[in-house]
Amino acid sequence: MTAPRPRMFYRKEKLRGACWEYEVSGGWVQLASPEGDRPILRHRFKFYRPRDVEVKTPNGMVTMQRSGAEQWFFPDRWFSLLRFISADDQTVGYYVNFSRPLTEIRPNYFQDLDLELDLWIEPDGTVSELDRGEFDDEIAAERLTAEWAEEVNGAAAVITQAVAAFVAEHGPDIEQHKDPATGLPGFILSV
């Protein structure tokens, strides 16, 4: 008989003090890399109320119902990645949430600090920057340090370039070439 997996929890904090917590539905996976295996915390969840959204796919605009997401947290990166999905597991899009790297604040209890800037990536590889105004406001209010801003801007540039390189090599379908062990899309594997 195997021991039950320990329960894990995640806490997201905002620069202005808001926070929310939830239990992680998933666990640690290992991403093979040239530098050695990288631990990544994977979480999957469903939305209480699915909603219809317009999605840019390689075949044009499609209406899909966004019903859930899977999320990957990287203890060694300044972002987490969410894959929004339909009920039949089709990708609605990817959301890159820039934050301080994931840390363990006590056993099986993890947190990150949201740093406002985000990217939305359509299945056809179109990248849109979100919340630049809020990001700049936090810098101006000195809640977001220059060092953190530099990390976020650098990570955003690297991810945007990785998506462009992936599309240039494989065409406008970022669902190609996922890591079989983690489900991570090919464009994020080099980041």
N, C-alpha and C. Protein backbone atom coordinates (compact mmCIF):
# COMPACT_ATOMS: atom_id res chain seq x y z
N MET A 1 0.85 -1.18 0.00
CA MET A 1 0.00 0.00 0.00
C MET A 1 0.89 1.24 0.00
N THR A 2 0.55 2.20 -0.85
CA THR A 2 1.34 3.42 -0.92
C THR A 2 0.75 4.47 0.00
N ALA A 3 1.61 5.29 0.51
CA ALA A 3 1.17 6.38 1.40
C ALA A 3 0.43 7.43 0.57
N PRO A 4 -0.60 8.04 1.14
CA PRO A 4 -1.30 9.09 0.38
C PRO A 4 -0.37 10.28 0.13
N ARG A 5 -0.57 10.89 -1.01
CA ARG A 5 0.23 12.07 -1.36
C ARG A 5 -0.15 13.20 -0.40
N PRO A 6 0.86 13.92 0.11
CA PRO A 6 0.53 15.02 1.03
C PRO A 6 -0.25 16.12 0.32
N ARG A 7 -1.16 16.73 1.02
CA ARG A 7 -1.91 17.85 0.47
C ARG A 7 -0.97 19.04 0.32
N MET A 8 -1.14 19.78 -0.78
CA MET A 8 -0.32 20.96 -1.04
C MET A 8 -1.24 22.16 -1.25
N PHE A 9 -0.73 23.33 -0.85
CA PHE A 9 -1.51 24.55 -0.96
C PHE A 9 -0.67 25.64 -1.60
N TYR A 10 -1.37 26.56 -2.25
CA TYR A 10 -0.74 27.67 -2.95
C TYR A 10 -1.40 28.97 -2.50
N ARG A 11 -0.56 30.00 -2.32
CA ARG A 11 -1.03 31.34 -1.95
C ARG A 11 -0.47 32.34 -2.95
N LYS A 12 -1.36 33.06 -3.62
CA LYS A 12 -0.96 34.13 -4.52
C LYS A 12 -1.18 35.44 -3.80
N GLU A 13 -0.13 36.26 -3.78
CA GLU A 13 -0.23 37.58 -3.17
C GLU A 13 -0.09 38.65 -4.24
N LYS A 14 -0.76 39.77 -4.00
CA LYS A 14 -0.66 40.93 -4.89
C LYS A 14 0.15 42.01 -4.18
N LEU A 15 0.73 42.90 -4.94
CA LEU A 15 1.57 43.95 -4.38
C LEU A 15 0.79 44.87 -3.43
N ARG A 16 -0.48 45.04 -3.64
CA ARG A 16 -1.29 45.91 -2.79
C ARG A 16 -1.89 45.19 -1.60
N GLY A 17 -1.51 43.92 -1.40
CA GLY A 17 -1.92 43.20 -0.20
C GLY A 17 -3.00 42.16 -0.36
N ALA A 18 -3.75 42.17 -1.44
CA ALA A 18 -4.77 41.14 -1.64
C ALA A 18 -4.09 39.78 -1.79
N CYS A 19 -4.80 38.74 -1.43
CA CYS A 19 -4.25 37.40 -1.62
C CYS A 19 -5.39 36.39 -1.69
N TRP A 20 -5.11 35.24 -2.23
CA TRP A 20 -6.04 34.13 -2.21
C TRP A 20 -5.25 32.84 -2.15
N GLU A 21 -5.89 31.81 -1.63
CA GLU A 21 -5.24 30.52 -1.41
C GLU A 21 -6.13 29.41 -1.93
N TYR A 22 -5.51 28.33 -2.36
CA TYR A 22 -6.28 27.15 -2.74
C TYR A 22 -5.40 25.92 -2.66
N GLU A 23 -6.06 24.78 -2.62
CA GLU A 23 -5.34 23.52 -2.60
C GLU A 23 -4.89 23.18 -4.02
N VAL A 24 -3.68 22.68 -4.14
CA VAL A 24 -3.13 22.31 -5.45
C VAL A 24 -3.69 20.94 -5.82
N SER A 25 -4.29 20.87 -6.99
CA SER A 25 -4.79 19.61 -7.53
C SER A 25 -3.79 19.16 -8.59
N GLY A 26 -2.85 18.39 -8.18
CA GLY A 26 -1.77 17.96 -9.06
C GLY A 26 -0.58 17.62 -8.20
N GLY A 27 0.58 18.06 -8.61
CA GLY A 27 1.78 17.78 -7.84
C GLY A 27 3.03 18.10 -8.64
N TRP A 28 4.14 17.67 -8.10
CA TRP A 28 5.43 17.97 -8.73
C TRP A 28 5.68 17.04 -9.90
N VAL A 29 6.17 17.61 -11.00
CA VAL A 29 6.63 16.86 -12.16
C VAL A 29 8.06 17.31 -12.44
N GLN A 30 8.78 16.49 -13.18
CA GLN A 30 10.17 16.81 -13.52
C GLN A 30 10.28 17.09 -15.00
N LEU A 31 10.86 18.24 -15.34
CA LEU A 31 11.12 18.59 -16.72
C LEU A 31 12.59 18.32 -17.00
N ALA A 32 12.84 17.41 -17.93
CA ALA A 32 14.23 17.11 -18.30
C ALA A 32 14.79 18.30 -19.07
N SER A 33 15.99 18.71 -18.69
CA SER A 33 16.65 19.81 -19.38
C SER A 33 18.14 19.50 -19.46
N PRO A 34 18.88 20.21 -20.32
CA PRO A 34 20.32 19.98 -20.41
C PRO A 34 21.06 20.18 -19.09
N GLU A 35 20.51 21.05 -18.22
CA GLU A 35 21.14 21.32 -16.92
C GLU A 35 20.73 20.30 -15.86
N GLY A 36 19.85 19.37 -16.21
CA GLY A 36 19.33 18.39 -15.25
C GLY A 36 17.83 18.59 -15.07
N ASP A 37 17.20 17.68 -14.35
CA ASP A 37 15.76 17.77 -14.14
C ASP A 37 15.38 19.01 -13.36
N ARG A 38 14.33 19.69 -13.84
CA ARG A 38 13.79 20.87 -13.17
C ARG A 38 12.45 20.51 -12.55
N PRO A 39 12.26 20.74 -11.25
CA PRO A 39 10.95 20.48 -10.65
C PRO A 39 9.95 21.59 -11.02
N ILE A 40 8.74 21.17 -11.36
CA ILE A 40 7.67 22.09 -11.72
C ILE A 40 6.41 21.62 -11.02
N LEU A 41 5.72 22.55 -10.39
CA LEU A 41 4.47 22.23 -9.69
C LEU A 41 3.33 22.41 -10.68
N ARG A 42 2.55 21.33 -10.88
CA ARG A 42 1.45 21.35 -11.83
C ARG A 42 0.13 21.33 -11.07
N HIS A 43 -0.81 22.15 -11.53
CA HIS A 43 -2.12 22.27 -10.91
C HIS A 43 -3.17 22.30 -12.01
N ARG A 44 -4.29 21.63 -11.80
CA ARG A 44 -5.37 21.63 -12.79
C ARG A 44 -6.68 21.94 -12.08
N PHE A 45 -7.52 22.77 -12.70
CA PHE A 45 -8.79 23.13 -12.08
C PHE A 45 -9.85 23.44 -13.12
N LYS A 46 -11.11 23.37 -12.67
CA LYS A 46 -12.26 23.71 -13.52
C LYS A 46 -12.88 25.00 -13.02
N PHE A 47 -13.48 25.74 -13.94
CA PHE A 47 -14.18 26.96 -13.57
C PHE A 47 -15.60 26.62 -13.12
N TYR A 48 -16.07 27.36 -12.18
CA TYR A 48 -17.43 27.18 -11.68
C TYR A 48 -18.44 27.46 -12.80
N ARG A 49 -18.14 28.48 -13.60
CA ARG A 49 -19.06 28.89 -14.66
C ARG A 49 -18.28 29.01 -15.97
N PRO A 50 -18.33 27.99 -16.86
CA PRO A 50 -17.65 28.12 -18.16
C PRO A 50 -18.20 29.29 -18.95
N ARG A 51 -17.36 29.83 -19.85
CA ARG A 51 -17.86 30.93 -20.68
C ARG A 51 -17.32 30.82 -22.10
N ASP A 52 -18.10 31.33 -23.04
CA ASP A 52 -17.72 31.32 -24.45
C ASP A 52 -16.68 32.41 -24.70
N VAL A 53 -15.68 32.07 -25.51
CA VAL A 53 -14.64 33.03 -25.88
C VAL A 53 -14.28 32.83 -27.35
N GLU A 54 -13.82 33.90 -27.97
CA GLU A 54 -13.32 33.84 -29.35
C GLU A 54 -11.83 33.52 -29.30
N VAL A 55 -11.41 32.55 -30.09
CA VAL A 55 -10.03 32.06 -30.05
C VAL A 55 -9.42 32.11 -31.44
N LYS A 56 -8.18 32.67 -31.53
CA LYS A 56 -7.43 32.69 -32.79
C LYS A 56 -6.68 31.37 -32.92
N THR A 57 -7.14 30.52 -33.83
CA THR A 57 -6.49 29.24 -34.06
C THR A 57 -5.75 29.28 -35.39
N PRO A 58 -4.94 28.27 -35.69
CA PRO A 58 -4.29 28.22 -37.00
C PRO A 58 -5.30 28.21 -38.16
N ASN A 59 -6.55 27.82 -37.89
CA ASN A 59 -7.58 27.76 -38.93
C ASN A 59 -8.54 28.96 -38.89
N GLY A 60 -8.20 30.00 -38.14
CA GLY A 60 -9.05 31.19 -38.05
C GLY A 60 -9.74 31.30 -36.70
N MET A 61 -10.66 32.24 -36.60
CA MET A 61 -11.37 32.47 -35.34
C MET A 61 -12.40 31.37 -35.09
N VAL A 62 -12.43 30.91 -33.83
CA VAL A 62 -13.35 29.86 -33.42
C VAL A 62 -13.93 30.26 -32.07
N THR A 63 -15.22 29.99 -31.86
CA THR A 63 -15.82 30.18 -30.55
C THR A 63 -15.65 28.89 -29.76
N MET A 64 -15.08 29.01 -28.57
CA MET A 64 -14.88 27.85 -27.71
C MET A 64 -15.44 28.19 -26.33
N GLN A 65 -15.67 27.16 -25.54
CA GLN A 65 -16.11 27.39 -24.18
C GLN A 65 -14.95 27.11 -23.23
N ARG A 66 -14.49 28.17 -22.55
CA ARG A 66 -13.40 28.04 -21.59
C ARG A 66 -13.98 27.47 -20.30
N SER A 67 -13.52 26.27 -19.94
CA SER A 67 -14.12 25.59 -18.79
C SER A 67 -13.14 25.26 -17.68
N GLY A 68 -11.85 25.41 -17.92
CA GLY A 68 -10.88 25.09 -16.89
C GLY A 68 -9.48 25.51 -17.31
N ALA A 69 -8.52 25.09 -16.51
CA ALA A 69 -7.13 25.45 -16.81
C ALA A 69 -6.19 24.47 -16.13
N GLU A 70 -5.01 24.41 -16.66
CA GLU A 70 -3.91 23.77 -15.95
C GLU A 70 -2.83 24.81 -15.82
N GLN A 71 -2.09 24.74 -14.72
CA GLN A 71 -1.09 25.76 -14.43
C GLN A 71 0.20 25.07 -14.02
N TRP A 72 1.30 25.67 -14.44
CA TRP A 72 2.62 25.19 -14.07
C TRP A 72 3.35 26.31 -13.35
N PHE A 73 3.87 25.99 -12.16
CA PHE A 73 4.65 26.94 -11.36
C PHE A 73 6.12 26.54 -11.44
N PHE A 74 6.98 27.53 -11.66
CA PHE A 74 8.41 27.29 -11.83
C PHE A 74 9.18 27.94 -10.68
N PRO A 75 9.79 27.15 -9.80
CA PRO A 75 10.55 27.76 -8.71
C PRO A 75 11.79 28.52 -9.17
N ASP A 76 12.19 28.33 -10.42
CA ASP A 76 13.40 28.97 -10.94
C ASP A 76 13.12 30.01 -12.03
N ARG A 77 11.86 30.44 -12.17
CA ARG A 77 11.50 31.42 -13.20
C ARG A 77 10.60 32.49 -12.59
N TRP A 78 10.53 33.64 -13.25
CA TRP A 78 9.73 34.78 -12.79
C TRP A 78 8.34 34.78 -13.43
N PHE A 79 7.74 33.61 -13.57
CA PHE A 79 6.40 33.50 -14.14
C PHE A 79 5.81 32.13 -13.83
N SER A 80 4.50 32.05 -13.97
CA SER A 80 3.81 30.76 -14.05
C SER A 80 3.08 30.77 -15.39
N LEU A 81 2.72 29.59 -15.85
CA LEU A 81 2.05 29.45 -17.14
C LEU A 81 0.73 28.75 -16.93
N LEU A 82 -0.34 29.33 -17.47
CA LEU A 82 -1.65 28.70 -17.44
C LEU A 82 -2.07 28.35 -18.85
N ARG A 83 -2.64 27.17 -19.00
CA ARG A 83 -3.24 26.75 -20.27
C ARG A 83 -4.74 26.69 -20.03
N PHE A 84 -5.48 27.63 -20.62
CA PHE A 84 -6.93 27.61 -20.50
C PHE A 84 -7.47 26.59 -21.49
N ILE A 85 -8.44 25.79 -21.04
CA ILE A 85 -8.91 24.66 -21.84
C ILE A 85 -10.43 24.62 -21.93
N SER A 86 -10.90 23.88 -22.93
CA SER A 86 -12.32 23.58 -23.09
C SER A 86 -12.61 22.26 -22.37
N ALA A 87 -13.87 21.90 -22.28
CA ALA A 87 -14.25 20.66 -21.59
C ALA A 87 -13.63 19.43 -22.25
N ASP A 88 -13.36 19.50 -23.56
CA ASP A 88 -12.74 18.36 -24.25
C ASP A 88 -11.22 18.53 -24.38
N ASP A 89 -10.63 19.37 -23.52
CA ASP A 89 -9.18 19.54 -23.39
C ASP A 89 -8.51 20.22 -24.59
N GLN A 90 -9.25 21.02 -25.33
CA GLN A 90 -8.64 21.82 -26.38
C GLN A 90 -8.08 23.10 -25.75
N THR A 91 -6.99 23.58 -26.29
CA THR A 91 -6.37 24.80 -25.76
C THR A 91 -7.12 26.04 -26.25
N VAL A 92 -7.57 26.85 -25.29
CA VAL A 92 -8.21 28.12 -25.58
C VAL A 92 -7.12 29.21 -25.71
N GLY A 93 -6.05 29.06 -24.95
CA GLY A 93 -4.94 29.99 -24.99
C GLY A 93 -4.06 29.80 -23.78
N TYR A 94 -2.91 30.46 -23.80
CA TYR A 94 -1.96 30.40 -22.69
C TYR A 94 -1.85 31.78 -22.05
N TYR A 95 -1.75 31.79 -20.75
CA TYR A 95 -1.65 33.03 -19.98
C TYR A 95 -0.37 32.94 -19.16
N VAL A 96 0.53 33.88 -19.37
CA VAL A 96 1.78 33.93 -18.62
C VAL A 96 1.59 34.98 -17.54
N ASN A 97 1.68 34.55 -16.29
CA ASN A 97 1.49 35.42 -15.14
C ASN A 97 2.87 35.69 -14.53
N PHE A 98 3.37 36.90 -14.68
CA PHE A 98 4.68 37.22 -14.16
C PHE A 98 4.60 37.46 -12.65
N SER A 99 5.53 36.83 -11.95
CA SER A 99 5.52 36.87 -10.49
C SER A 99 6.92 36.56 -9.98
N ARG A 100 7.11 36.79 -8.69
CA ARG A 100 8.35 36.31 -8.07
C ARG A 100 8.35 34.79 -8.18
N PRO A 101 9.53 34.16 -8.25
CA PRO A 101 9.56 32.70 -8.33
C PRO A 101 8.84 32.05 -7.15
N LEU A 102 8.23 30.92 -7.43
CA LEU A 102 7.50 30.16 -6.43
C LEU A 102 8.44 29.77 -5.29
N THR A 103 7.99 29.98 -4.05
CA THR A 103 8.77 29.59 -2.88
C THR A 103 7.91 28.76 -1.94
N GLU A 104 8.58 27.92 -1.18
CA GLU A 104 7.90 27.11 -0.15
C GLU A 104 8.05 27.86 1.17
N ILE A 105 6.92 28.27 1.76
CA ILE A 105 7.00 29.04 3.00
C ILE A 105 6.86 28.15 4.24
N ARG A 106 6.34 26.95 4.04
CA ARG A 106 6.36 25.90 5.05
C ARG A 106 6.08 24.60 4.31
N PRO A 107 6.26 23.45 4.92
CA PRO A 107 6.11 22.21 4.15
C PRO A 107 4.79 22.13 3.38
N ASN A 108 4.91 21.92 2.08
CA ASN A 108 3.78 21.74 1.17
C ASN A 108 2.86 22.96 1.08
N TYR A 109 3.40 24.14 1.35
CA TYR A 109 2.63 25.39 1.26
C TYR A 109 3.50 26.39 0.51
N PHE A 110 3.04 26.77 -0.68
CA PHE A 110 3.85 27.56 -1.60
C PHE A 110 3.19 28.91 -1.87
N GLN A 111 4.02 29.89 -2.24
CA GLN A 111 3.47 31.20 -2.57
C GLN A 111 4.30 31.85 -3.66
N ASP A 112 3.65 32.79 -4.35
CA ASP A 112 4.36 33.71 -5.22
C ASP A 112 3.72 35.09 -5.07
N LEU A 113 4.38 36.07 -5.61
CA LEU A 113 3.91 37.46 -5.54
C LEU A 113 3.67 37.93 -6.96
N ASP A 114 2.42 38.23 -7.28
CA ASP A 114 2.03 38.67 -8.61
C ASP A 114 2.64 40.04 -8.90
N LEU A 115 3.28 40.18 -10.06
CA LEU A 115 3.94 41.43 -10.41
C LEU A 115 3.24 42.16 -11.56
N GLU A 116 1.97 41.90 -11.71
CA GLU A 116 1.02 42.65 -12.56
C GLU A 116 1.10 42.39 -14.05
N LEU A 117 2.26 42.35 -14.66
CA LEU A 117 2.34 42.18 -16.11
C LEU A 117 1.98 40.75 -16.48
N ASP A 118 1.28 40.60 -17.61
CA ASP A 118 0.88 39.27 -18.09
C ASP A 118 0.99 39.24 -19.61
N LEU A 119 1.05 38.04 -20.16
CA LEU A 119 0.97 37.83 -21.60
C LEU A 119 -0.18 36.88 -21.88
N TRP A 120 -0.89 37.10 -22.99
CA TRP A 120 -1.89 36.16 -23.48
C TRP A 120 -1.37 35.64 -24.82
N ILE A 121 -1.37 34.32 -24.98
CA ILE A 121 -0.84 33.70 -26.20
C ILE A 121 -1.94 32.84 -26.80
N GLU A 122 -2.37 33.22 -28.01
CA GLU A 122 -3.40 32.48 -28.73
C GLU A 122 -2.81 31.19 -29.30
N PRO A 123 -3.65 30.18 -29.59
CA PRO A 123 -3.14 28.94 -30.19
C PRO A 123 -2.41 29.13 -31.52
N ASP A 124 -2.66 30.26 -32.21
CA ASP A 124 -1.94 30.51 -33.46
C ASP A 124 -0.61 31.22 -33.24
N GLY A 125 -0.25 31.50 -31.97
CA GLY A 125 1.02 32.14 -31.66
C GLY A 125 0.96 33.64 -31.51
N THR A 126 -0.22 34.25 -31.64
CA THR A 126 -0.36 35.69 -31.43
C THR A 126 -0.15 36.00 -29.95
N VAL A 127 0.76 36.92 -29.65
CA VAL A 127 1.07 37.30 -28.26
C VAL A 127 0.55 38.70 -27.99
N SER A 128 -0.17 38.86 -26.89
CA SER A 128 -0.66 40.17 -26.46
C SER A 128 -0.18 40.44 -25.04
N GLU A 129 0.35 41.63 -24.83
CA GLU A 129 0.76 42.04 -23.49
C GLU A 129 -0.45 42.60 -22.76
N LEU A 130 -0.59 42.23 -21.48
CA LEU A 130 -1.72 42.68 -20.67
C LEU A 130 -1.22 43.40 -19.42
N ASP A 131 -1.94 44.39 -19.01
CA ASP A 131 -1.73 45.07 -17.72
C ASP A 131 -0.43 45.85 -17.60
N ARG A 132 0.09 46.36 -18.70
CA ARG A 132 1.32 47.18 -18.65
C ARG A 132 1.09 48.42 -17.80
N GLY A 133 -0.10 49.01 -17.87
CA GLY A 133 -0.40 50.19 -17.07
C GLY A 133 -0.32 49.92 -15.58
N GLU A 134 -0.90 48.79 -15.13
CA GLU A 134 -0.84 48.42 -13.72
C GLU A 134 0.60 48.15 -13.29
N PHE A 135 1.37 47.51 -14.15
CA PHE A 135 2.78 47.23 -13.89
C PHE A 135 3.54 48.54 -13.69
N ASP A 136 3.36 49.48 -14.62
CA ASP A 136 4.03 50.78 -14.52
C ASP A 136 3.58 51.55 -13.29
N ASP A 137 2.28 51.45 -12.94
CA ASP A 137 1.78 52.12 -11.73
C ASP A 137 2.45 51.58 -10.47
N GLU A 138 2.67 50.27 -10.42
CA GLU A 138 3.31 49.66 -9.24
C GLU A 138 4.78 50.08 -9.14
N ILE A 139 5.43 50.27 -10.27
CA ILE A 139 6.81 50.78 -10.27
C ILE A 139 6.81 52.21 -9.74
N ALA A 140 5.90 53.03 -10.26
CA ALA A 140 5.82 54.44 -9.84
C ALA A 140 5.51 54.56 -8.35
N ALA A 141 4.70 53.65 -7.82
CA ALA A 141 4.34 53.68 -6.40
C ALA A 141 5.42 53.03 -5.52
N GLU A 142 6.48 52.53 -6.16
CA GLU A 142 7.61 51.89 -5.48
C GLU A 142 7.22 50.64 -4.71
N ARG A 143 6.15 49.98 -5.14
CA ARG A 143 5.82 48.67 -4.59
C ARG A 143 6.52 47.57 -5.38
N LEU A 144 6.87 47.87 -6.63
CA LEU A 144 7.56 46.94 -7.51
C LEU A 144 8.95 47.52 -7.74
N THR A 145 9.97 46.82 -7.28
CA THR A 145 11.34 47.34 -7.34
C THR A 145 11.88 47.34 -8.77
N ALA A 146 12.90 48.13 -8.99
CA ALA A 146 13.55 48.18 -10.31
C ALA A 146 14.12 46.81 -10.67
N GLU A 147 14.68 46.11 -9.68
CA GLU A 147 15.23 44.77 -9.93
C GLU A 147 14.13 43.81 -10.39
N TRP A 148 12.99 43.82 -9.71
CA TRP A 148 11.88 42.94 -10.09
C TRP A 148 11.36 43.31 -11.48
N ALA A 149 11.24 44.61 -11.75
CA ALA A 149 10.76 45.06 -13.06
C ALA A 149 11.69 44.58 -14.17
N GLU A 150 12.98 44.64 -13.91
CA GLU A 150 13.95 44.17 -14.90
C GLU A 150 13.79 42.67 -15.14
N GLU A 151 13.59 41.90 -14.09
CA GLU A 151 13.38 40.45 -14.24
C GLU A 151 12.12 40.17 -15.06
N VAL A 152 11.04 40.87 -14.76
CA VAL A 152 9.77 40.67 -15.47
C VAL A 152 9.90 41.07 -16.93
N ASN A 153 10.45 42.25 -17.20
CA ASN A 153 10.61 42.69 -18.59
C ASN A 153 11.51 41.73 -19.37
N GLY A 154 12.56 41.25 -18.73
CA GLY A 154 13.44 40.29 -19.40
C GLY A 154 12.73 38.98 -19.70
N ALA A 155 11.97 38.47 -18.72
CA ALA A 155 11.23 37.22 -18.93
C ALA A 155 10.17 37.39 -20.01
N ALA A 156 9.47 38.53 -20.03
CA ALA A 156 8.46 38.78 -21.05
C ALA A 156 9.08 38.80 -22.45
N ALA A 157 10.24 39.43 -22.57
CA ALA A 157 10.92 39.48 -23.87
C ALA A 157 11.36 38.09 -24.31
N VAL A 158 11.90 37.31 -23.39
CA VAL A 158 12.36 35.96 -23.72
C VAL A 158 11.19 35.08 -24.17
N ILE A 159 10.07 35.15 -23.45
CA ILE A 159 8.92 34.32 -23.82
C ILE A 159 8.35 34.76 -25.16
N THR A 160 8.23 36.06 -25.38
CA THR A 160 7.72 36.57 -26.66
C THR A 160 8.61 36.11 -27.81
N GLN A 161 9.93 36.18 -27.61
CA GLN A 161 10.87 35.72 -28.65
C GLN A 161 10.77 34.21 -28.85
N ALA A 162 10.57 33.45 -27.75
CA ALA A 162 10.45 31.99 -27.86
C ALA A 162 9.21 31.60 -28.66
N VAL A 163 8.10 32.29 -28.44
CA VAL A 163 6.88 32.02 -29.22
C VAL A 163 7.13 32.33 -30.69
N ALA A 164 7.72 33.48 -30.98
CA ALA A 164 8.00 33.86 -32.37
C ALA A 164 8.92 32.84 -33.05
N ALA A 165 9.95 32.40 -32.34
CA ALA A 165 10.88 31.41 -32.91
C ALA A 165 10.18 30.08 -33.15
N PHE A 166 9.31 29.69 -32.22
CA PHE A 166 8.57 28.44 -32.38
C PHE A 166 7.66 28.51 -33.60
N VAL A 167 6.93 29.61 -33.75
CA VAL A 167 6.03 29.78 -34.90
C VAL A 167 6.83 29.83 -36.19
N ALA A 168 7.98 30.51 -36.20
CA ALA A 168 8.81 30.58 -37.40
C ALA A 168 9.29 29.19 -37.82
N GLU A 169 9.59 28.35 -36.85
CA GLU A 169 10.10 27.00 -37.16
C GLU A 169 9.00 26.00 -37.47
N HIS A 170 7.87 26.07 -36.73
CA HIS A 170 6.84 25.03 -36.82
C HIS A 170 5.53 25.48 -37.44
N GLY A 171 5.39 26.78 -37.70
CA GLY A 171 4.13 27.29 -38.22
C GLY A 171 3.23 27.77 -37.09
N PRO A 172 2.08 28.37 -37.46
CA PRO A 172 1.22 29.02 -36.47
C PRO A 172 0.31 28.05 -35.70
N ASP A 173 0.91 27.09 -35.03
CA ASP A 173 0.15 26.16 -34.19
C ASP A 173 1.03 25.80 -33.00
N ILE A 174 0.86 26.54 -31.90
CA ILE A 174 1.75 26.35 -30.75
C ILE A 174 1.40 25.10 -29.93
N GLU A 175 0.41 24.35 -30.39
CA GLU A 175 0.08 23.10 -29.71
C GLU A 175 0.97 21.94 -30.16
N GLN A 176 1.84 22.17 -31.10
CA GLN A 176 2.76 21.14 -31.56
C GLN A 176 3.89 20.96 -30.55
N HIS A 177 4.41 19.76 -30.49
CA HIS A 177 5.64 19.48 -29.74
C HIS A 177 5.54 19.77 -28.24
N LYS A 178 4.57 19.16 -27.58
CA LYS A 178 4.48 19.29 -26.13
C LYS A 178 5.39 18.27 -25.47
N ASP A 179 5.90 18.62 -24.29
CA ASP A 179 6.70 17.69 -23.52
C ASP A 179 5.78 16.57 -23.03
N PRO A 180 6.08 15.30 -23.34
CA PRO A 180 5.16 14.23 -22.97
C PRO A 180 5.03 14.01 -21.45
N ALA A 181 6.06 14.31 -20.69
CA ALA A 181 6.02 14.07 -19.24
C ALA A 181 5.26 15.15 -18.49
N THR A 182 5.31 16.39 -18.97
CA THR A 182 4.72 17.50 -18.23
C THR A 182 3.52 18.16 -18.91
N GLY A 183 3.39 17.96 -20.23
CA GLY A 183 2.35 18.63 -20.99
C GLY A 183 2.70 20.06 -21.38
N LEU A 184 3.89 20.52 -21.01
CA LEU A 184 4.29 21.89 -21.33
C LEU A 184 4.46 22.08 -22.83
N PRO A 185 3.99 23.21 -23.36
CA PRO A 185 4.11 23.46 -24.80
C PRO A 185 5.57 23.73 -25.20
N GLY A 186 5.89 23.39 -26.43
CA GLY A 186 7.24 23.52 -26.93
C GLY A 186 7.83 24.91 -26.81
N PHE A 187 7.01 25.95 -26.97
CA PHE A 187 7.57 27.30 -26.94
C PHE A 187 8.14 27.66 -25.57
N ILE A 188 7.67 27.03 -24.50
CA ILE A 188 8.13 27.40 -23.16
C ILE A 188 9.31 26.53 -22.73
N LEU A 189 9.58 25.46 -23.44
CA LEU A 189 10.61 24.52 -23.01
C LEU A 189 12.02 25.10 -23.06
N SER A 190 12.24 26.09 -23.92
CA SER A 190 13.58 26.68 -24.05
C SER A 190 13.77 27.87 -23.13
N VAL A 191 12.75 28.25 -22.39
CA VAL A 191 12.80 29.45 -21.56
C VAL A 191 13.28 29.10 -20.16
